[in-house]
Amino acid sequence: MTDAAEFEQDGDVMWIRIGEHPQSAVSLTDPELLVFEYVQHLALCIDAGFARPAPLRTTHVGGAGLTLARWMHATRPGSPQIVLEPDVPLTEAVRGELPLPRGHRIRVRPLRGEEGVAGLATASADLVILDAYVDGRVPAGLTTVKWLGEVARVLAPGGLFLANLGDRPGLRYAARVASGARAALGPGAQTAYVGLHHVLKGKGYGNVVLAASRGPLPLFEMRRATARLALPTGVVPPNDVISRGANATPFSAATDDTADSPVPPG
């Protein structure tokens, strides 16, 4: 049985925890205030790839406090957003404690990412964001090459796939997800990492954002955005992602070769 969500207010920020794992941090007054580093990195990639304030058709795989969906509504009003969040009690608790803003186009569907993405129309999303964790780990079914193929089908031309991945030093797990993303997106696909310097340099467990597209990624804009952050953030470009994971192969359910993301440290 899933632990109930716990809400704790600290100044302007409401923290949401499930068991030992913090799920979200939502500002009560400023939806553009992003507390978690990896959420800032996801937003950075979105801003680098898509100009404001044009609406974006967005699919979120994983919802929790809907922090990024709220940010998207604030920065690109009118964006139609689908959130795949199977934890119905969590969604109800979040709606009760942190009501969504007026005029939003956020639709939460009580589905896991596997069946939720499979049910979406082809080329129906400009942006697909994977940020789904169970007990602190990304479920294995959300990183197989078959599922990533469904993501590729749903992405419109020029679309962007972002994934928040927790990994150990060496980023071997992320390398396998990146390999699967390139295979799913086809010839010419590019993958890059965005993360804190100590994570990218292999000095500790942490979150890395994988950015993937069918064509060139906006690397100049991504690097320029990282320079403006107060956090020590870097970008690993496509060629380096490939060279770092030279022997990485996609996760595959067909060969029973799948894995959750690595267990986070205690």
Protein backbone atom coordinates (compact mmCIF):
# COMPACT_ATOMS: atom_id res chain seq x y z
CA MET A 1 0.00 0.00 0.00
CA THR A 2 1.35 3.43 -0.96
CA ASP A 3 2.11 5.79 1.91
CA ALA A 4 -0.17 8.79 2.20
CA ALA A 5 1.16 12.15 1.06
CA GLU A 6 2.35 14.49 3.78
CA PHE A 7 2.28 18.28 3.34
CA GLU A 8 4.63 20.58 5.21
CA GLN A 9 4.76 24.34 4.71
CA ASP A 10 8.07 26.16 5.01
CA GLY A 11 7.57 29.85 4.38
CA ASP A 12 6.24 30.28 0.85
CA VAL A 13 6.92 26.66 -0.13
CA MET A 14 4.71 23.63 0.42
CA TRP A 15 6.68 20.38 0.53
CA ILE A 16 5.04 17.10 -0.43
CA ARG A 17 6.54 13.85 0.85
CA ILE A 18 5.56 10.23 0.46
CA GLY A 19 7.30 8.03 3.00
CA GLU A 20 10.96 9.01 3.08
CA HIS A 21 10.95 10.59 -0.37
CA PRO A 22 10.24 14.28 -1.08
CA GLN A 23 8.01 14.35 -4.16
CA SER A 24 7.46 18.03 -4.89
CA ALA A 25 7.96 21.57 -3.66
CA VAL A 26 5.36 24.11 -4.73
CA SER A 27 5.52 27.86 -4.13
CA LEU A 28 2.25 29.18 -2.78
CA THR A 29 2.61 32.56 -4.51
CA ASP A 30 5.04 32.20 -7.42
CA PRO A 31 4.66 29.24 -9.82
CA GLU A 32 7.91 30.24 -11.53
CA LEU A 33 9.88 29.56 -8.32
CA LEU A 34 11.36 26.09 -8.76
CA VAL A 35 13.05 24.63 -5.67
CA PHE A 36 14.47 21.29 -6.78
CA GLU A 37 17.60 21.50 -8.92
CA TYR A 38 16.38 18.96 -11.47
CA VAL A 39 13.11 20.85 -11.96
CA GLN A 40 15.13 23.97 -12.72
CA HIS A 41 17.10 21.89 -15.23
CA LEU A 42 13.92 20.62 -16.88
CA ALA A 43 12.63 24.19 -17.16
CA LEU A 44 15.97 25.34 -18.56
CA CYS A 45 15.76 22.75 -21.35
CA ILE A 46 12.19 23.76 -22.18
CA ASP A 47 13.08 27.44 -22.39
CA ALA A 48 16.12 26.64 -24.52
CA GLY A 49 14.07 24.60 -26.96
CA PHE A 50 10.87 26.63 -27.15
CA ALA A 51 10.36 30.38 -27.13
CA ARG A 52 7.96 31.93 -24.65
CA PRO A 53 5.02 32.56 -24.45
CA ALA A 54 3.64 30.29 -27.19
CA PRO A 55 1.54 27.42 -25.78
CA LEU A 56 3.08 23.95 -25.82
CA ARG A 57 1.22 20.67 -26.08
CA THR A 58 2.79 18.89 -23.14
CA THR A 59 2.56 15.38 -21.70
CA HIS A 60 3.89 14.83 -18.19
CA VAL A 61 4.60 11.24 -17.17
CA GLY A 62 4.37 11.59 -13.40
CA GLY A 63 2.53 14.38 -11.64
CA ALA A 64 2.92 14.56 -7.84
CA GLY A 65 2.49 18.25 -6.89
CA LEU A 66 2.16 19.33 -10.54
CA THR A 67 5.00 21.82 -10.04
CA LEU A 68 6.16 21.85 -13.64
CA ALA A 69 2.61 21.88 -15.00
CA ARG A 70 1.93 24.99 -12.89
CA TRP A 71 5.16 26.55 -14.19
CA MET A 72 4.14 25.78 -17.77
CA HIS A 73 0.75 27.41 -17.25
CA ALA A 74 2.44 30.51 -15.82
CA THR A 75 5.10 30.82 -18.51
CA ARG A 76 3.07 29.68 -21.52
CA PRO A 77 -0.60 30.35 -20.76
CA GLY A 78 -3.06 28.22 -22.66
CA SER A 79 -0.76 25.21 -22.95
CA PRO A 80 -2.83 22.02 -23.15
CA GLN A 81 -1.24 19.62 -20.68
CA ILE A 82 -1.87 15.95 -19.99
CA VAL A 83 -0.51 14.56 -16.72
CA LEU A 84 -0.29 10.78 -16.32
CA GLU A 85 -0.41 10.12 -12.58
CA PRO A 86 -1.74 6.74 -11.38
CA ASP A 87 -1.77 7.69 -7.67
CA VAL A 88 -5.36 8.95 -7.37
CA PRO A 89 -5.22 9.68 -3.59
CA LEU A 90 -2.08 11.76 -4.16
CA THR A 91 -3.76 13.79 -6.91
CA GLU A 92 -6.84 14.35 -4.76
CA ALA A 93 -4.69 15.45 -1.81
CA VAL A 94 -2.69 17.83 -4.00
CA ARG A 95 -5.85 19.36 -5.47
CA GLY A 96 -7.21 19.83 -1.95
CA GLU A 97 -4.07 21.42 -0.48
CA LEU A 98 -2.80 23.19 -3.59
CA PRO A 99 -5.66 24.06 -5.98
CA LEU A 100 -4.70 24.59 -9.60
CA PRO A 101 -4.84 28.14 -11.00
CA ARG A 102 -7.85 29.49 -12.81
CA GLY A 103 -7.93 29.08 -16.56
CA HIS A 104 -5.51 26.15 -16.60
CA ARG A 105 -5.65 23.44 -19.25
CA ILE A 106 -4.08 20.73 -17.09
CA ARG A 107 -5.81 17.35 -17.32
CA VAL A 108 -4.73 14.63 -14.91
CA ARG A 109 -5.37 11.08 -16.06
CA PRO A 110 -5.18 8.26 -13.48
CA LEU A 111 -2.94 6.10 -15.66
CA ARG A 112 0.58 4.73 -15.49
CA GLY A 113 3.01 6.02 -18.06
CA GLU A 114 3.05 2.78 -20.01
CA GLU A 115 -0.63 2.65 -20.94
CA GLY A 116 -1.11 6.41 -20.76
CA VAL A 117 1.42 7.19 -23.49
CA ALA A 118 0.23 4.24 -25.60
CA GLY A 119 -3.24 5.79 -25.62
CA LEU A 120 -2.13 9.19 -26.92
CA ALA A 121 -2.53 10.25 -30.53
CA THR A 122 0.42 10.26 -32.90
CA ALA A 123 2.30 13.59 -33.09
CA SER A 124 0.05 15.03 -30.37
CA ALA A 125 2.77 16.49 -28.09
CA ASP A 126 5.47 19.09 -28.57
CA LEU A 127 7.03 18.03 -25.30
CA VAL A 128 7.05 14.79 -23.28
CA ILE A 129 8.51 14.90 -19.77
CA LEU A 130 9.33 11.77 -17.80
CA ASP A 131 9.48 12.49 -14.06
CA ALA A 132 7.97 9.39 -12.47
CA TYR A 133 9.33 7.71 -9.37
CA VAL A 134 8.12 4.87 -7.16
CA ASP A 135 9.97 4.48 -3.86
CA GLY A 136 12.68 6.80 -5.17
CA ARG A 137 13.27 4.92 -8.44
CA VAL A 138 12.16 5.33 -12.06
CA PRO A 139 10.07 2.24 -12.94
CA ALA A 140 11.69 -0.14 -15.42
CA GLY A 141 8.73 -0.04 -17.80
CA LEU A 142 9.30 3.65 -18.51
CA THR A 143 12.78 3.28 -19.99
CA THR A 144 12.52 0.35 -22.39
CA VAL A 145 13.17 0.95 -26.07
CA LYS A 146 9.59 -0.12 -26.81
CA TRP A 147 8.13 2.50 -24.48
CA LEU A 148 10.52 5.12 -25.79
CA GLY A 149 9.26 4.20 -29.24
CA GLU A 150 5.77 5.16 -28.06
CA VAL A 151 7.18 8.47 -26.85
CA ALA A 152 8.73 9.01 -30.28
CA ARG A 153 5.38 8.28 -31.93
CA VAL A 154 3.60 10.81 -29.72
CA LEU A 155 6.20 13.55 -30.29
CA ALA A 156 5.38 15.98 -33.09
CA PRO A 157 8.10 17.07 -35.54
CA GLY A 158 10.52 19.30 -33.70
CA GLY A 159 9.39 17.81 -30.38
CA LEU A 160 11.54 17.34 -27.28
CA PHE A 161 11.74 14.48 -24.79
CA LEU A 162 13.06 15.17 -21.30
CA ALA A 163 13.67 12.62 -18.56
CA ASN A 164 14.66 13.12 -14.94
CA LEU A 165 16.94 10.20 -14.10
CA GLY A 166 18.53 9.40 -10.76
CA ASP A 167 21.88 7.67 -11.24
CA ARG A 168 25.14 6.63 -9.61
CA PRO A 169 28.61 7.87 -10.54
CA GLY A 170 29.43 6.84 -14.10
CA LEU A 171 25.83 7.44 -15.28
CA ARG A 172 25.63 3.96 -16.74
CA TYR A 173 21.88 3.79 -16.22
CA ALA A 174 21.37 7.16 -17.93
CA ALA A 175 23.60 6.01 -20.79
CA ARG A 176 21.30 3.05 -21.44
CA VAL A 177 18.21 5.27 -21.41
CA ALA A 178 19.96 7.69 -23.78
CA SER A 179 20.85 4.80 -26.08
CA GLY A 180 17.21 3.72 -26.13
CA ALA A 181 16.04 7.25 -26.85
CA ARG A 182 18.37 7.56 -29.85
CA ALA A 183 17.24 4.18 -31.17
CA ALA A 184 13.58 5.16 -30.77
CA LEU A 185 13.91 8.61 -32.32
CA GLY A 186 15.82 7.34 -35.33
CA PRO A 187 18.74 8.49 -37.50
CA GLY A 188 19.95 11.95 -36.60
CA ALA A 189 18.65 11.78 -33.05
CA GLN A 190 20.64 13.61 -30.40
CA THR A 191 20.86 13.20 -26.64
CA ALA A 192 22.44 15.46 -24.04
CA TYR A 193 22.65 15.61 -20.24
CA VAL A 194 22.03 18.58 -17.97
CA GLY A 195 22.97 18.32 -14.32
CA LEU A 196 24.98 19.60 -11.40
CA HIS A 197 28.72 19.51 -12.04
CA HIS A 198 29.44 17.00 -9.28
CA VAL A 199 26.88 14.57 -10.76
CA LEU A 200 28.14 14.96 -14.32
CA LYS A 201 31.73 14.48 -13.11
CA GLY A 202 30.82 11.26 -11.32
CA LYS A 203 31.41 12.48 -7.79
CA GLY A 204 28.13 11.29 -6.33
CA TYR A 205 24.62 9.98 -6.84
CA GLY A 206 22.24 12.57 -8.24
CA ASN A 207 19.70 13.57 -10.84
CA VAL A 208 20.56 14.17 -14.45
CA VAL A 209 18.12 15.46 -17.06
CA LEU A 210 18.28 13.63 -20.37
CA ALA A 211 17.25 15.77 -23.34
CA ALA A 212 16.50 13.99 -26.62
CA SER A 213 15.21 15.03 -30.03
CA ARG A 214 15.11 13.79 -33.61
CA GLY A 215 17.47 16.54 -34.71
CA PRO A 216 19.98 19.02 -33.30
CA LEU A 217 19.46 20.08 -29.71
CA PRO A 218 19.65 23.79 -28.75
CA LEU A 219 23.06 23.38 -27.10
CA PHE A 220 24.06 27.03 -27.29
CA GLU A 221 20.85 28.12 -25.58
CA MET A 222 21.17 25.34 -23.00
CA ARG A 223 24.73 26.33 -22.11
CA ARG A 224 23.83 30.00 -21.94
CA ALA A 225 20.95 29.19 -19.60
CA THR A 226 23.15 27.09 -17.30
CA ALA A 227 25.53 30.04 -16.96
CA ARG A 228 22.69 32.14 -15.55
CA LEU A 229 21.78 29.63 -12.85
CA ALA A 230 23.01 30.06 -9.30
CA LEU A 231 23.56 26.30 -9.27
CA PRO A 232 26.85 24.87 -10.61
CA THR A 233 25.24 23.31 -13.68
CA GLY A 234 26.71 21.87 -16.86
CA VAL A 235 25.74 20.33 -20.20
CA VAL A 236 27.18 17.12 -21.63
CA PRO A 237 26.83 17.42 -25.44
CA PRO A 238 25.64 14.61 -27.74
CA ASN A 239 29.07 13.34 -28.85
CA ASP A 240 30.23 13.10 -25.24
CA VAL A 241 27.05 11.30 -24.18
CA ILE A 242 27.77 8.68 -26.84
CA SER A 243 31.48 8.37 -26.03
CA ARG A 244 30.82 8.08 -22.29
CA GLY A 245 28.31 5.31 -22.92
CA ALA A 246 30.07 3.63 -25.83
CA ASN A 247 28.94 0.15 -24.77
CA ALA A 248 25.50 1.13 -23.50
CA THR A 249 22.59 -0.77 -25.01
CA PRO A 250 18.89 0.10 -24.76
CA PHE A 251 16.78 -1.53 -22.08
CA SER A 252 14.52 -4.13 -23.70
CA ALA A 253 11.49 -5.92 -22.30
CA ALA A 254 11.65 -8.34 -25.25
CA THR A 255 14.91 -9.80 -23.93
CA ASP A 256 13.95 -9.39 -20.26
CA ASP A 257 16.72 -6.81 -19.89
CA THR A 258 15.13 -4.05 -17.85
CA ALA A 259 15.87 -2.23 -14.60
CA ASP A 260 14.54 0.42 -12.30
CA SER A 261 16.86 3.37 -11.78
CA PRO A 262 19.56 2.78 -9.13
CA VAL A 263 18.56 2.82 -5.47
CA PRO A 264 19.20 6.29 -4.03
CA PRO A 265 21.52 6.56 -1.04
CA GLY A 266 19.90 6.48 2.37
